[in-house]
Amino acid sequence: MAAIRDKQLRYREGIGKYLQVLSAETPLLTQQGLDADLRSRRRVGRDQPDPGRWVAIRRERGCVASAN
């Protein structure tokens, strides 16, 4: 993060090039994208119902024959 701020400051002061700013931001943006993807995958996995629970519900409603 400090590297990005340094590059942005140098660019604003006319010392550095915008390509240097972009080069410094690329790893951070890549990591943020990976973090967002991981959070999304965790959220999807958490939203999936427990298959055993669905079998129990269907048994209660008479949709699945009991194992007894």
C-alpha atoms as a PDB file:
ATOM      1  CA  MET A   1       0.000   0.000   0.000  1.00  0.00           C
ATOM      2  CA  ALA A   2       2.852   2.362   0.812  1.00  0.00           C
ATOM      3  CA  ALA A   3       4.419   1.647  -2.576  1.00  0.00           C
ATOM      4  CA  ILE A   4       1.219   2.694  -4.298  1.00  0.00           C
ATOM      5  CA  ARG A   5       0.969   5.925  -2.303  1.00  0.00           C
ATOM      6  CA  ASP A   6       4.609   6.679  -3.108  1.00  0.00           C
ATOM      7  CA  LYS A   7       4.047   6.137  -6.838  1.00  0.00           C
ATOM      8  CA  GLN A   8       0.854   8.221  -6.799  1.00  0.00           C
ATOM      9  CA  LEU A   9       2.622  11.066  -5.004  1.00  0.00           C
ATOM     10  CA  ARG A  10       5.521  10.985  -7.458  1.00  0.00           C
ATOM     11  CA  TYR A  11       3.045  11.002 -10.368  1.00  0.00           C
ATOM     12  CA  ARG A  12       1.102  13.963  -8.946  1.00  0.00           C
ATOM     13  CA  GLU A  13       4.333  15.877  -8.429  1.00  0.00           C
ATOM     14  CA  GLY A  14       5.330  15.215 -12.033  1.00  0.00           C
ATOM     15  CA  ILE A  15       8.310  13.062 -11.102  1.00  0.00           C
ATOM     16  CA  GLY A  16       6.962   9.619 -12.010  1.00  0.00           C
ATOM     17  CA  LYS A  17       4.952   8.149 -14.836  1.00  0.00           C
ATOM     18  CA  TYR A  18       1.422   6.830 -14.585  1.00  0.00           C
ATOM     19  CA  LEU A  19       2.666   3.444 -15.785  1.00  0.00           C
ATOM     20  CA  GLN A  20       4.644   3.201 -12.538  1.00  0.00           C
ATOM     21  CA  VAL A  21       1.448   3.834 -10.572  1.00  0.00           C
ATOM     22  CA  LEU A  22      -0.360   1.115 -12.482  1.00  0.00           C
ATOM     23  CA  SER A  23       2.533  -1.293 -12.037  1.00  0.00           C
ATOM     24  CA  ALA A  24       2.490  -0.725  -8.279  1.00  0.00           C
ATOM     25  CA  GLU A  25      -1.300  -1.190  -8.084  1.00  0.00           C
ATOM     26  CA  THR A  26      -1.461  -4.421 -10.093  1.00  0.00           C
ATOM     27  CA  PRO A  27      -0.453  -6.856  -7.296  1.00  0.00           C
ATOM     28  CA  LEU A  28      -2.836  -5.181  -4.838  1.00  0.00           C
ATOM     29  CA  LEU A  29      -5.752  -5.294  -7.260  1.00  0.00           C
ATOM     30  CA  THR A  30      -4.982  -8.920  -8.089  1.00  0.00           C
ATOM     31  CA  GLN A  31      -4.991  -9.838  -4.393  1.00  0.00           C
ATOM     32  CA  GLN A  32      -8.237  -7.950  -3.799  1.00  0.00           C
ATOM     33  CA  GLY A  33      -9.837  -9.860  -6.665  1.00  0.00           C
ATOM     34  CA  LEU A  34      -8.658 -13.178  -5.247  1.00  0.00           C
ATOM     35  CA  ASP A  35      -9.961 -12.214  -1.799  1.00  0.00           C
ATOM     36  CA  ALA A  36     -13.362 -11.296  -3.247  1.00  0.00           C
ATOM     37  CA  ASP A  37     -13.508 -14.589  -5.147  1.00  0.00           C
ATOM     38  CA  LEU A  38     -12.676 -16.555  -2.006  1.00  0.00           C
ATOM     39  CA  ARG A  39     -15.331 -14.705   0.032  1.00  0.00           C
ATOM     40  CA  SER A  40     -17.860 -15.393  -2.718  1.00  0.00           C
ATOM     41  CA  ARG A  41     -17.023 -19.105  -2.767  1.00  0.00           C
ATOM     42  CA  ARG A  42     -17.317 -19.299   1.016  1.00  0.00           C
ATOM     43  CA  ARG A  43     -20.667 -17.513   0.898  1.00  0.00           C
ATOM     44  CA  VAL A  44     -22.014 -19.853  -1.780  1.00  0.00           C
ATOM     45  CA  GLY A  45     -20.876 -22.894   0.203  1.00  0.00           C
ATOM     46  CA  ARG A  46     -22.528 -21.559   3.333  1.00  0.00           C
ATOM     47  CA  ASP A  47     -25.792 -20.929   1.484  1.00  0.00           C
ATOM     48  CA  GLN A  48     -26.021 -24.525   0.302  1.00  0.00           C
ATOM     49  CA  PRO A  49     -28.404 -26.572   2.411  1.00  0.00           C
ATOM     50  CA  ASP A  50     -27.267 -29.615   4.314  1.00  0.00           C
ATOM     51  CA  PRO A  51     -28.315 -32.639   2.206  1.00  0.00           C
ATOM     52  CA  GLY A  52     -29.088 -34.677   5.325  1.00  0.00           C
ATOM     53  CA  ARG A  53     -31.483 -31.982   6.487  1.00  0.00           C
ATOM     54  CA  TRP A  54     -33.328 -32.067   3.161  1.00  0.00           C
ATOM     55  CA  VAL A  55     -33.741 -35.847   3.391  1.00  0.00           C
ATOM     56  CA  ALA A  56     -35.158 -35.472   6.909  1.00  0.00           C
ATOM     57  CA  ILE A  57     -37.621 -32.805   5.740  1.00  0.00           C
ATOM     58  CA  ARG A  58     -38.729 -34.924   2.797  1.00  0.00           C
ATOM     59  CA  ARG A  59     -39.213 -37.939   5.099  1.00  0.00           C
ATOM     60  CA  GLU A  60     -41.374 -35.830   7.413  1.00  0.00           C
ATOM     61  CA  ARG A  61     -43.524 -34.863   4.451  1.00  0.00           C
ATOM     62  CA  GLY A  62     -43.744 -38.451   3.220  1.00  0.00           C
ATOM     63  CA  CYS A  63     -41.743 -37.830   0.057  1.00  0.00           C
ATOM     64  CA  VAL A  64     -39.021 -40.371   0.882  1.00  0.00           C
ATOM     65  CA  ALA A  65     -39.562 -43.861   2.234  1.00  0.00           C
ATOM     66  CA  SER A  66     -38.268 -44.368   5.743  1.00  0.00           C
ATOM     67  CA  ALA A  67     -35.263 -46.638   6.192  1.00  0.00           C
ATOM     68  CA  ASN A  68     -37.057 -48.418   9.085  1.00  0.00           C
END
